[in-house]
């Protein structure tokens, strides 16, 4: 899946994967992953313009990473936040109090840029990627994160033969394989059958979201 695909998605006025409210599984599970004595910042990969970042901002400074310039601009405009712009070698940086968006390629993200991020919130990053890119994404994430970081991951399950992603179905066996060596626990399960995914209608025979706590070694 090429970057052009996602940039084209963000040309739509109402992207199908964007939620207009804080994700219910985040509200239900955040306190089971957040350790105030440990966590200094939360990393939100492939963040889009998710308002979940505003939820986290009330608790921790946020570092979001997003490919699409429009998503970053729209986020600050819609949230009515003043923003300061700067550049690094690989990213256009949008900064405000307790929140920074790095606009660019996630795979260019360095260890130094996430040195304080021992907590990761993945609402729709892993499930946005095809299988080969999922493996690359997790490998890069684990390479740059501090040791013993925690990931709050929201996955999606549906009969893969019934629908073409994204979002893609990612099941427990794959999650455990991708994060081999980590402690992995299911925190919550939400049956979304017949209710759709964000703004997208899903006609699959079943649709389930799961929240996972992944404790990296």
C-alpha atoms as a PDB file:
ATOM      1  CA  UNK A   1       0.000   0.000   0.000  1.00  0.00           C
ATOM      2  CA  UNK A   2       1.563   3.235  -1.178  1.00  0.00           C
ATOM      3  CA  UNK A   3       1.521   6.636   0.598  1.00  0.00           C
ATOM      4  CA  UNK A   4      -0.497   8.031  -2.304  1.00  0.00           C
ATOM      5  CA  UNK A   5      -3.446   5.873  -1.225  1.00  0.00           C
ATOM      6  CA  UNK A   6      -3.680   7.560   2.174  1.00  0.00           C
ATOM      7  CA  UNK A   7      -3.042  11.024   0.810  1.00  0.00           C
ATOM      8  CA  UNK A   8      -5.950  10.501  -1.577  1.00  0.00           C
ATOM      9  CA  UNK A   9      -8.168   9.341   1.308  1.00  0.00           C
ATOM     10  CA  UNK A  10      -7.499  12.617   3.100  1.00  0.00           C
ATOM     11  CA  UNK A  11      -8.756  14.561   0.102  1.00  0.00           C
ATOM     12  CA  UNK A  12     -12.260  13.466   1.129  1.00  0.00           C
ATOM     13  CA  UNK A  13     -14.169  15.905   3.305  1.00  0.00           C
ATOM     14  CA  UNK A  14     -15.245  13.110   5.667  1.00  0.00           C
ATOM     15  CA  UNK A  15     -12.723  10.236   5.751  1.00  0.00           C
ATOM     16  CA  UNK A  16     -14.466   6.952   6.438  1.00  0.00           C
ATOM     17  CA  UNK A  17     -12.062   5.906   9.190  1.00  0.00           C
ATOM     18  CA  UNK A  18     -12.394   9.092  11.274  1.00  0.00           C
ATOM     19  CA  UNK A  19     -14.472   9.033  14.465  1.00  0.00           C
ATOM     20  CA  UNK A  20     -16.270  12.148  15.701  1.00  0.00           C
ATOM     21  CA  UNK A  21     -15.999  11.103  19.338  1.00  0.00           C
ATOM     22  CA  UNK A  22     -13.424   9.511  21.610  1.00  0.00           C
ATOM     23  CA  UNK A  23     -13.175   5.798  20.910  1.00  0.00           C
ATOM     24  CA  UNK A  24     -15.274   3.869  23.471  1.00  0.00           C
ATOM     25  CA  UNK A  25     -12.556   1.260  24.003  1.00  0.00           C
ATOM     26  CA  UNK A  26     -10.060   4.001  24.798  1.00  0.00           C
ATOM     27  CA  UNK A  27     -12.420   5.423  27.405  1.00  0.00           C
ATOM     28  CA  UNK A  28     -12.921   1.953  28.866  1.00  0.00           C
ATOM     29  CA  UNK A  29      -9.272   0.866  28.928  1.00  0.00           C
ATOM     30  CA  UNK A  30      -6.908   3.837  29.195  1.00  0.00           C
ATOM     31  CA  UNK A  31      -6.564   3.596  32.980  1.00  0.00           C
ATOM     32  CA  UNK A  32      -5.425  -0.028  32.682  1.00  0.00           C
ATOM     33  CA  UNK A  33      -2.364   0.887  30.638  1.00  0.00           C
ATOM     34  CA  UNK A  34      -1.410   4.346  31.944  1.00  0.00           C
ATOM     35  CA  UNK A  35       1.161   4.436  34.745  1.00  0.00           C
ATOM     36  CA  UNK A  36       1.579   8.067  35.842  1.00  0.00           C
ATOM     37  CA  UNK A  37       4.792   7.325  37.689  1.00  0.00           C
ATOM     38  CA  UNK A  38       6.355   5.867  34.512  1.00  0.00           C
ATOM     39  CA  UNK A  39       4.794   7.362  31.410  1.00  0.00           C
ATOM     40  CA  UNK A  40       5.978  10.788  30.252  1.00  0.00           C
ATOM     41  CA  UNK A  41       4.512  10.967  26.736  1.00  0.00           C
ATOM     42  CA  UNK A  42       2.145   8.930  24.598  1.00  0.00           C
ATOM     43  CA  UNK A  43       2.933   8.118  20.975  1.00  0.00           C
ATOM     44  CA  UNK A  44       0.013   7.905  18.524  1.00  0.00           C
ATOM     45  CA  UNK A  45       1.206   6.402  15.206  1.00  0.00           C
ATOM     46  CA  UNK A  46      -0.738   7.095  11.993  1.00  0.00           C
ATOM     47  CA  UNK A  47      -2.892   9.407  14.068  1.00  0.00           C
ATOM     48  CA  UNK A  48      -4.883  11.229  11.377  1.00  0.00           C
ATOM     49  CA  UNK A  49      -6.867  13.953  13.085  1.00  0.00           C
ATOM     50  CA  UNK A  50      -8.207  11.674  15.805  1.00  0.00           C
ATOM     51  CA  UNK A  51      -9.794  13.470  18.732  1.00  0.00           C
ATOM     52  CA  UNK A  52      -8.481  10.628  20.888  1.00  0.00           C
ATOM     53  CA  UNK A  53      -5.335  12.757  21.032  1.00  0.00           C
ATOM     54  CA  UNK A  54      -7.288  15.427  22.906  1.00  0.00           C
ATOM     55  CA  UNK A  55      -8.377  12.776  25.397  1.00  0.00           C
ATOM     56  CA  UNK A  56      -4.759  11.770  25.964  1.00  0.00           C
ATOM     57  CA  UNK A  57      -3.581  15.396  26.092  1.00  0.00           C
ATOM     58  CA  UNK A  58      -5.557  15.865  29.301  1.00  0.00           C
ATOM     59  CA  UNK A  59      -3.418  13.123  30.857  1.00  0.00           C
ATOM     60  CA  UNK A  60      -0.060  13.103  29.044  1.00  0.00           C
ATOM     61  CA  UNK A  61       1.846  15.088  26.429  1.00  0.00           C
ATOM     62  CA  UNK A  62       1.099  13.579  23.017  1.00  0.00           C
ATOM     63  CA  UNK A  63       3.344  12.872  20.025  1.00  0.00           C
ATOM     64  CA  UNK A  64       1.335  11.995  16.915  1.00  0.00           C
ATOM     65  CA  UNK A  65       2.778  10.849  13.587  1.00  0.00           C
ATOM     66  CA  UNK A  66       0.764  11.384  10.414  1.00  0.00           C
ATOM     67  CA  UNK A  67       1.588  11.239   6.712  1.00  0.00           C
ATOM     68  CA  UNK A  68      -1.083  13.637   5.419  1.00  0.00           C
ATOM     69  CA  UNK A  69      -0.546  17.371   5.728  1.00  0.00           C
ATOM     70  CA  UNK A  70      -4.285  17.986   5.481  1.00  0.00           C
ATOM     71  CA  UNK A  71      -5.007  15.780   8.504  1.00  0.00           C
ATOM     72  CA  UNK A  72      -2.510  17.751  10.607  1.00  0.00           C
ATOM     73  CA  UNK A  73      -3.856  21.129   9.482  1.00  0.00           C
ATOM     74  CA  UNK A  74      -7.467  20.062   9.991  1.00  0.00           C
ATOM     75  CA  UNK A  75      -6.746  18.733  13.474  1.00  0.00           C
ATOM     76  CA  UNK A  76      -5.460  22.040  14.793  1.00  0.00           C
ATOM     77  CA  UNK A  77      -8.163  24.017  13.025  1.00  0.00           C
ATOM     78  CA  UNK A  78     -11.002  21.810  14.268  1.00  0.00           C
ATOM     79  CA  UNK A  79      -9.655  21.730  17.816  1.00  0.00           C
ATOM     80  CA  UNK A  80      -9.057  25.501  17.712  1.00  0.00           C
ATOM     81  CA  UNK A  81      -5.464  25.167  18.882  1.00  0.00           C
ATOM     82  CA  UNK A  82      -2.705  27.647  18.157  1.00  0.00           C
ATOM     83  CA  UNK A  83       0.165  25.933  16.370  1.00  0.00           C
ATOM     84  CA  UNK A  84       3.860  26.570  15.830  1.00  0.00           C
ATOM     85  CA  UNK A  85       5.511  25.106  12.726  1.00  0.00           C
ATOM     86  CA  UNK A  86       9.075  23.881  12.390  1.00  0.00           C
ATOM     87  CA  UNK A  87      11.022  21.310  10.369  1.00  0.00           C
ATOM     88  CA  UNK A  88      13.418  18.462  11.023  1.00  0.00           C
ATOM     89  CA  UNK A  89      15.226  16.307   8.474  1.00  0.00           C
ATOM     90  CA  UNK A  90      12.194  14.080   7.942  1.00  0.00           C
ATOM     91  CA  UNK A  91       9.159  15.823   9.449  1.00  0.00           C
ATOM     92  CA  UNK A  92       7.100  18.969   9.362  1.00  0.00           C
ATOM     93  CA  UNK A  93       6.363  19.599  13.039  1.00  0.00           C
ATOM     94  CA  UNK A  94       3.115  21.059  14.365  1.00  0.00           C
ATOM     95  CA  UNK A  95       3.414  21.997  18.024  1.00  0.00           C
ATOM     96  CA  UNK A  96       1.075  23.292  20.679  1.00  0.00           C
ATOM     97  CA  UNK A  97       0.928  22.910  24.446  1.00  0.00           C
ATOM     98  CA  UNK A  98       1.278  19.218  25.385  1.00  0.00           C
ATOM     99  CA  UNK A  99       0.780  18.024  21.804  1.00  0.00           C
ATOM    100  CA  UNK A 100       3.052  17.645  18.767  1.00  0.00           C
ATOM    101  CA  UNK A 101       2.195  16.222  15.365  1.00  0.00           C
ATOM    102  CA  UNK A 102       5.041  15.026  13.158  1.00  0.00           C
ATOM    103  CA  UNK A 103       3.893  15.105   9.555  1.00  0.00           C
ATOM    104  CA  UNK A 104       5.809  12.616   7.453  1.00  0.00           C
ATOM    105  CA  UNK A 105       6.697   8.944   7.011  1.00  0.00           C
ATOM    106  CA  UNK A 106       6.342   6.901  10.207  1.00  0.00           C
ATOM    107  CA  UNK A 107       9.224   4.691   9.095  1.00  0.00           C
ATOM    108  CA  UNK A 108      11.548   7.705   9.296  1.00  0.00           C
ATOM    109  CA  UNK A 109      10.757   8.119  13.002  1.00  0.00           C
ATOM    110  CA  UNK A 110      13.892   7.799  15.126  1.00  0.00           C
ATOM    111  CA  UNK A 111      14.599   6.503  18.602  1.00  0.00           C
ATOM    112  CA  UNK A 112      15.536  10.009  19.773  1.00  0.00           C
ATOM    113  CA  UNK A 113      12.172  11.423  18.692  1.00  0.00           C
ATOM    114  CA  UNK A 114      10.248   8.952  20.886  1.00  0.00           C
ATOM    115  CA  UNK A 115      12.741   8.654  23.755  1.00  0.00           C
ATOM    116  CA  UNK A 116      10.105   9.752  26.299  1.00  0.00           C
ATOM    117  CA  UNK A 117       7.267   7.704  24.785  1.00  0.00           C
ATOM    118  CA  UNK A 118       6.901   4.591  26.909  1.00  0.00           C
ATOM    119  CA  UNK A 119       3.205   4.432  26.080  1.00  0.00           C
ATOM    120  CA  UNK A 120       1.745   3.900  22.595  1.00  0.00           C
ATOM    121  CA  UNK A 121      -1.877   4.217  21.547  1.00  0.00           C
ATOM    122  CA  UNK A 122      -2.643   2.388  18.299  1.00  0.00           C
ATOM    123  CA  UNK A 123      -6.282   2.898  17.442  1.00  0.00           C
ATOM    124  CA  UNK A 124      -6.125   2.318  13.683  1.00  0.00           C
ATOM    125  CA  UNK A 125      -2.486   2.073  12.615  1.00  0.00           C
ATOM    126  CA  UNK A 126      -1.883  -1.679  12.563  1.00  0.00           C
ATOM    127  CA  UNK A 127      -5.266  -2.443  11.014  1.00  0.00           C
ATOM    128  CA  UNK A 128      -4.695   0.179   8.315  1.00  0.00           C
ATOM    129  CA  UNK A 129      -1.773  -1.766   6.867  1.00  0.00           C
ATOM    130  CA  UNK A 130      -1.591  -4.921   4.718  1.00  0.00           C
ATOM    131  CA  UNK A 131       0.176  -7.949   6.177  1.00  0.00           C
ATOM    132  CA  UNK A 132       3.707  -7.233   4.922  1.00  0.00           C
ATOM    133  CA  UNK A 133       3.562  -3.644   6.159  1.00  0.00           C
ATOM    134  CA  UNK A 134       2.128  -4.734   9.516  1.00  0.00           C
ATOM    135  CA  UNK A 135       5.264  -6.742  10.177  1.00  0.00           C
ATOM    136  CA  UNK A 136       7.483  -3.843   9.125  1.00  0.00           C
ATOM    137  CA  UNK A 137       5.448  -1.429  11.261  1.00  0.00           C
ATOM    138  CA  UNK A 138       5.741  -3.518  14.420  1.00  0.00           C
ATOM    139  CA  UNK A 139       9.448  -4.162  13.858  1.00  0.00           C
ATOM    140  CA  UNK A 140      10.135  -0.447  13.515  1.00  0.00           C
ATOM    141  CA  UNK A 141       7.954   0.405  16.497  1.00  0.00           C
ATOM    142  CA  UNK A 142       9.772  -2.076  18.718  1.00  0.00           C
ATOM    143  CA  UNK A 143      13.179  -0.892  17.492  1.00  0.00           C
ATOM    144  CA  UNK A 144      12.614   2.760  18.383  1.00  0.00           C
ATOM    145  CA  UNK A 145      10.586   2.493  21.597  1.00  0.00           C
ATOM    146  CA  UNK A 146      12.210   2.525  25.032  1.00  0.00           C
ATOM    147  CA  UNK A 147      12.458  -0.853  26.750  1.00  0.00           C
ATOM    148  CA  UNK A 148       9.367  -2.079  28.612  1.00  0.00           C
ATOM    149  CA  UNK A 149       7.027   0.261  26.753  1.00  0.00           C
ATOM    150  CA  UNK A 150       3.289  -0.408  26.813  1.00  0.00           C
ATOM    151  CA  UNK A 151       1.024  -0.473  23.765  1.00  0.00           C
ATOM    152  CA  UNK A 152      -2.748  -0.033  23.893  1.00  0.00           C
ATOM    153  CA  UNK A 153      -3.818  -1.597  20.609  1.00  0.00           C
ATOM    154  CA  UNK A 154      -7.314  -1.691  19.147  1.00  0.00           C
ATOM    155  CA  UNK A 155      -7.756  -4.466  16.599  1.00  0.00           C
ATOM    156  CA  UNK A 156     -10.554  -5.423  14.242  1.00  0.00           C
ATOM    157  CA  UNK A 157     -11.766  -8.934  13.412  1.00  0.00           C
ATOM    158  CA  UNK A 158     -14.093  -9.985  10.600  1.00  0.00           C
ATOM    159  CA  UNK A 159     -14.128 -12.813   8.039  1.00  0.00           C
ATOM    160  CA  UNK A 160     -11.325 -11.633   5.758  1.00  0.00           C
ATOM    161  CA  UNK A 161     -12.810 -13.381   2.748  1.00  0.00           C
ATOM    162  CA  UNK A 162     -15.927 -11.212   3.027  1.00  0.00           C
ATOM    163  CA  UNK A 163     -14.328  -7.793   2.645  1.00  0.00           C
ATOM    164  CA  UNK A 164     -11.245  -6.108   1.267  1.00  0.00           C
ATOM    165  CA  UNK A 165      -9.391  -3.856   3.714  1.00  0.00           C
ATOM    166  CA  UNK A 166      -8.386  -1.370   4.886  1.00  0.00           C
ATOM    167  CA  UNK A 167      -9.206  -1.579   7.687  1.00  0.00           C
ATOM    168  CA  UNK A 168      -7.832  -5.117   7.722  1.00  0.00           C
ATOM    169  CA  UNK A 169      -8.825  -7.972   9.973  1.00  0.00           C
ATOM    170  CA  UNK A 170      -6.012  -8.755  12.420  1.00  0.00           C
ATOM    171  CA  UNK A 171      -6.530 -11.751  14.690  1.00  0.00           C
ATOM    172  CA  UNK A 172      -4.949 -12.816  17.970  1.00  0.00           C
ATOM    173  CA  UNK A 173      -2.513 -15.296  16.446  1.00  0.00           C
ATOM    174  CA  UNK A 174      -1.005 -12.585  14.255  1.00  0.00           C
ATOM    175  CA  UNK A 175      -0.799 -10.081  17.112  1.00  0.00           C
ATOM    176  CA  UNK A 176       1.029 -12.628  19.254  1.00  0.00           C
ATOM    177  CA  UNK A 177       3.378 -13.456  16.398  1.00  0.00           C
ATOM    178  CA  UNK A 178       4.105  -9.807  15.584  1.00  0.00           C
ATOM    179  CA  UNK A 179       4.762  -8.929  19.222  1.00  0.00           C
ATOM    180  CA  UNK A 180       6.581 -12.156  20.098  1.00  0.00           C
ATOM    181  CA  UNK A 181       8.190 -11.950  23.510  1.00  0.00           C
ATOM    182  CA  UNK A 182       5.736  -9.348  24.825  1.00  0.00           C
ATOM    183  CA  UNK A 183       3.120  -9.894  27.505  1.00  0.00           C
ATOM    184  CA  UNK A 184      -0.229  -9.614  25.737  1.00  0.00           C
ATOM    185  CA  UNK A 185      -3.653  -9.336  27.366  1.00  0.00           C
ATOM    186  CA  UNK A 186      -7.165  -8.678  26.043  1.00  0.00           C
ATOM    187  CA  UNK A 187      -8.711  -5.789  27.971  1.00  0.00           C
ATOM    188  CA  UNK A 188     -12.105  -5.443  26.265  1.00  0.00           C
ATOM    189  CA  UNK A 189     -14.182  -6.796  23.392  1.00  0.00           C
ATOM    190  CA  UNK A 190     -16.839  -4.858  21.475  1.00  0.00           C
ATOM    191  CA  UNK A 191     -19.233  -6.573  19.065  1.00  0.00           C
ATOM    192  CA  UNK A 192     -19.734  -4.152  16.161  1.00  0.00           C
ATOM    193  CA  UNK A 193     -21.654  -6.523  13.886  1.00  0.00           C
ATOM    194  CA  UNK A 194     -24.123  -4.492  11.849  1.00  0.00           C
ATOM    195  CA  UNK A 195     -22.851  -1.199  13.298  1.00  0.00           C
ATOM    196  CA  UNK A 196     -19.950  -0.494  10.952  1.00  0.00           C
ATOM    197  CA  UNK A 197     -16.447   0.862  11.505  1.00  0.00           C
ATOM    198  CA  UNK A 198     -16.221   4.614  12.189  1.00  0.00           C
ATOM    199  CA  UNK A 199     -18.087   6.162   9.223  1.00  0.00           C
ATOM    200  CA  UNK A 200     -17.749   3.040   7.072  1.00  0.00           C
ATOM    201  CA  UNK A 201     -20.573   0.560   6.657  1.00  0.00           C
ATOM    202  CA  UNK A 202     -19.503  -3.069   7.019  1.00  0.00           C
ATOM    203  CA  UNK A 203     -21.665  -5.819   5.592  1.00  0.00           C
ATOM    204  CA  UNK A 204     -19.615  -8.666   7.031  1.00  0.00           C
ATOM    205  CA  UNK A 205     -21.336 -11.445   8.951  1.00  0.00           C
ATOM    206  CA  UNK A 206     -19.394 -10.454  12.072  1.00  0.00           C
ATOM    207  CA  UNK A 207     -17.321  -7.472  13.176  1.00  0.00           C
ATOM    208  CA  UNK A 208     -15.487  -7.318  16.494  1.00  0.00           C
ATOM    209  CA  UNK A 209     -13.133  -4.742  17.987  1.00  0.00           C
ATOM    210  CA  UNK A 210     -10.711  -5.747  20.728  1.00  0.00           C
ATOM    211  CA  UNK A 211      -8.498  -3.695  23.025  1.00  0.00           C
ATOM    212  CA  UNK A 212      -5.120  -5.201  23.888  1.00  0.00           C
ATOM    213  CA  UNK A 213      -2.459  -4.311  26.440  1.00  0.00           C
ATOM    214  CA  UNK A 214       0.941  -5.237  25.053  1.00  0.00           C
ATOM    215  CA  UNK A 215       3.883  -4.957  27.449  1.00  0.00           C
ATOM    216  CA  UNK A 216       7.106  -4.988  25.469  1.00  0.00           C
ATOM    217  CA  UNK A 217      10.234  -6.623  26.882  1.00  0.00           C
END
